[in-house]
Amino acid sequence: MRATRPTLPMTGGCSCGAIRYELSSFPRLLYSCNCTDCQRASGSAFALNMPVLARDFRILHGESRGWRHLSPKGVEVTSRFCGDCGGRLYGERKGRAEIINRRAGTLDDTSWLVPVAHMFMRSAQAWVKPFMSSECHDTQPADFAELMQAWRAMWPEFFPQK
């Protein structure tokens, strides 16, 4: 299921408009995370995470602020947000400089967003009912390769067969 076909480049920004960004390649994945850390950080029931290639992401104007903390697995993470409105925009993990994890809800066009998977369902709110064709995981998969294959199958126009 998808409402529309997104176009590249994709644009987005924070709630107040102080930060605007552009993404020139299609996301590598889209999943919801229902862990309690994401619930707390988003102020909602989950976060929509969208890993993208760092080289294809650029800030058009504004400057994010960073908050450093440890992930549940003990990896150093810098969460980036707008210093004016506090809107969380993306995160960077130590040791994984080539990928940044965008908050998908910050895109201008969110009509096409359908997560391929839902993580940490063991801590999901009782009323969260994932889309039927999406995978569900109690925590997170050890290997994201199968999820990436499923995501690519959902969007063959962005991932041509070799």
Protein backbone atom coordinates (compact mmCIF):
# COMPACT_ATOMS: atom_id res chain seq x y z
CA MET A 1 0.00 0.00 0.00
CA ARG A 2 1.23 3.46 -0.88
CA ALA A 3 -0.71 6.61 -1.59
CA THR A 4 1.75 8.34 -3.90
CA ARG A 5 5.14 7.92 -5.49
CA PRO A 6 7.68 10.26 -3.90
CA THR A 7 9.92 12.42 -6.05
CA LEU A 8 13.57 13.25 -5.64
CA PRO A 9 14.97 15.37 -4.25
CA MET A 10 12.89 15.15 -1.08
CA THR A 11 12.71 18.18 1.17
CA GLY A 12 11.78 18.71 4.77
CA GLY A 13 12.53 20.62 7.93
CA CYS A 14 11.64 21.40 11.48
CA SER A 15 8.25 22.67 12.68
CA CYS A 16 9.23 26.35 12.82
CA GLY A 17 11.07 26.38 9.47
CA ALA A 18 14.42 27.48 10.89
CA ILE A 19 16.03 24.34 9.44
CA ARG A 20 15.35 23.07 5.93
CA TYR A 21 17.01 20.06 4.31
CA GLU A 22 17.17 18.14 1.05
CA LEU A 23 17.66 14.44 0.39
CA SER A 24 18.83 13.50 -3.11
CA SER A 25 18.56 9.69 -2.89
CA PHE A 26 15.79 7.36 -1.83
CA PRO A 27 15.90 6.16 1.81
CA ARG A 28 17.52 2.80 2.47
CA LEU A 29 14.67 1.75 4.78
CA LEU A 30 11.64 2.97 6.72
CA TYR A 31 10.58 1.42 10.02
CA SER A 32 8.80 2.38 13.19
CA CYS A 33 10.52 2.00 16.53
CA ASN A 34 8.25 1.47 19.51
CA CYS A 35 10.98 1.33 22.18
CA THR A 36 10.44 3.42 25.28
CA ASP A 37 13.43 5.64 24.37
CA CYS A 38 11.81 6.57 21.03
CA GLN A 39 8.45 7.07 22.73
CA ARG A 40 10.02 9.45 25.22
CA ALA A 41 12.13 11.30 22.62
CA SER A 42 9.24 11.73 20.18
CA GLY A 43 6.57 12.46 22.78
CA SER A 44 4.45 9.94 20.90
CA ALA A 45 3.87 6.21 20.60
CA PHE A 46 6.80 5.54 18.25
CA ALA A 47 9.36 7.11 15.94
CA LEU A 48 9.43 6.68 12.16
CA ASN A 49 13.08 6.11 11.33
CA MET A 50 14.48 6.45 7.84
CA PRO A 51 18.16 5.63 7.34
CA VAL A 52 19.65 7.62 4.44
CA LEU A 53 23.08 8.01 2.91
CA ALA A 54 24.83 10.91 4.63
CA ARG A 55 26.45 12.01 1.34
CA ASP A 56 22.99 12.57 -0.19
CA PHE A 57 21.66 14.70 2.67
CA ARG A 58 22.29 18.42 3.01
CA ILE A 59 21.02 21.24 5.17
CA LEU A 60 19.67 24.03 2.95
CA HIS A 61 19.52 26.58 5.74
CA GLY A 62 19.75 26.68 9.51
CA GLU A 63 21.92 24.72 11.85
CA SER A 64 20.98 21.80 14.07
CA ARG A 65 22.04 21.35 17.64
CA GLY A 66 23.22 18.02 18.99
CA TRP A 67 22.54 16.00 22.10
CA ARG A 68 24.93 13.12 22.79
CA HIS A 69 23.75 10.01 24.58
CA LEU A 70 24.10 6.22 24.55
CA SER A 71 21.70 4.02 22.61
CA PRO A 72 20.03 1.09 24.41
CA LYS A 73 22.87 -1.05 23.00
CA GLY A 74 25.52 1.29 24.43
CA VAL A 75 26.54 2.99 21.16
CA GLU A 76 27.23 6.74 21.21
CA VAL A 77 24.50 8.62 19.34
CA THR A 78 24.12 12.29 18.54
CA SER A 79 20.48 13.30 18.15
CA ARG A 80 20.09 16.46 16.03
CA PHE A 81 17.29 18.92 16.61
CA CYS A 82 16.29 22.53 15.92
CA GLY A 83 17.57 24.92 18.56
CA ASP A 84 14.50 27.15 18.09
CA CYS A 85 11.50 24.78 18.15
CA GLY A 86 13.22 21.66 19.52
CA GLY A 87 12.00 19.48 16.64
CA ARG A 88 14.09 16.31 16.37
CA LEU A 89 15.39 15.87 12.83
CA TYR A 90 17.94 13.05 12.67
CA GLY A 91 20.53 11.01 14.50
CA GLU A 92 24.12 9.97 13.90
CA ARG A 93 25.78 6.85 15.35
CA LYS A 94 29.43 6.64 16.20
CA GLY A 95 31.18 4.26 13.80
CA ARG A 96 28.51 4.64 11.10
CA ALA A 97 29.30 8.01 9.49
CA GLU A 98 27.94 6.99 6.06
CA ILE A 99 24.35 6.67 7.35
CA ILE A 100 22.15 9.10 9.21
CA ASN A 101 18.76 8.19 10.61
CA ARG A 102 16.16 10.79 9.55
CA ARG A 103 12.88 11.28 11.34
CA ALA A 104 10.53 10.55 8.45
CA GLY A 105 7.78 12.79 9.80
CA THR A 106 9.96 15.85 9.09
CA LEU A 107 9.57 15.37 5.32
CA ASP A 108 7.34 17.83 3.48
CA ASP A 109 5.54 14.96 1.72
CA THR A 110 4.72 12.11 4.09
CA SER A 111 1.84 10.68 2.03
CA TRP A 112 3.91 7.74 0.77
CA LEU A 113 5.34 6.59 4.11
CA VAL A 114 4.54 2.94 4.85
CA PRO A 115 7.02 1.25 7.20
CA VAL A 116 8.40 -2.09 6.09
CA ALA A 117 8.76 -3.16 9.73
CA HIS A 118 7.88 -2.29 13.30
CA MET A 119 10.58 -2.74 15.95
CA PHE A 120 10.34 -3.17 19.72
CA MET A 121 6.73 -4.26 19.63
CA ARG A 122 7.17 -5.67 23.13
CA SER A 123 7.00 -2.07 24.41
CA ALA A 124 4.48 -0.75 21.88
CA GLN A 125 1.35 0.96 23.13
CA ALA A 126 -1.53 -1.55 23.28
CA TRP A 127 -3.53 0.36 20.66
CA VAL A 128 -0.73 0.33 18.02
CA LYS A 129 -1.87 -1.93 15.18
CA PRO A 130 0.82 -2.24 12.48
CA PHE A 131 -0.02 -2.41 8.80
CA MET A 132 -0.72 -6.07 7.98
CA SER A 133 2.07 -6.61 5.45
CA SER A 134 4.77 -5.07 7.66
CA GLU A 135 7.09 -7.27 9.69
CA CYS A 136 6.90 -7.03 13.47
CA HIS A 137 9.80 -7.67 15.84
CA ASP A 138 9.78 -7.90 19.64
CA THR A 139 13.11 -6.05 19.69
CA GLN A 140 15.08 -5.57 16.50
CA PRO A 141 16.43 -8.04 13.96
CA ALA A 142 20.07 -9.04 14.25
CA ASP A 143 20.46 -8.44 10.52
CA PHE A 144 18.63 -5.74 8.57
CA ALA A 145 19.45 -7.29 5.16
CA GLU A 146 16.05 -9.00 4.80
CA LEU A 147 14.22 -5.81 5.73
CA MET A 148 16.23 -3.89 3.17
CA GLN A 149 15.30 -6.46 0.52
CA ALA A 150 11.61 -6.15 1.41
CA TRP A 151 11.88 -2.34 1.28
CA ARG A 152 13.52 -2.50 -2.15
CA ALA A 153 10.76 -4.81 -3.36
CA MET A 154 8.19 -2.19 -2.27
CA TRP A 155 9.98 0.49 -4.34
CA PRO A 156 11.50 -1.19 -7.43
CA GLU A 157 11.58 2.10 -9.36
CA PHE A 158 14.17 3.41 -6.91
CA PHE A 159 16.18 0.18 -6.71
CA PRO A 160 16.58 -1.18 -10.26
CA GLN A 161 17.68 -4.79 -10.61
CA LYS A 162 21.31 -5.27 -11.66
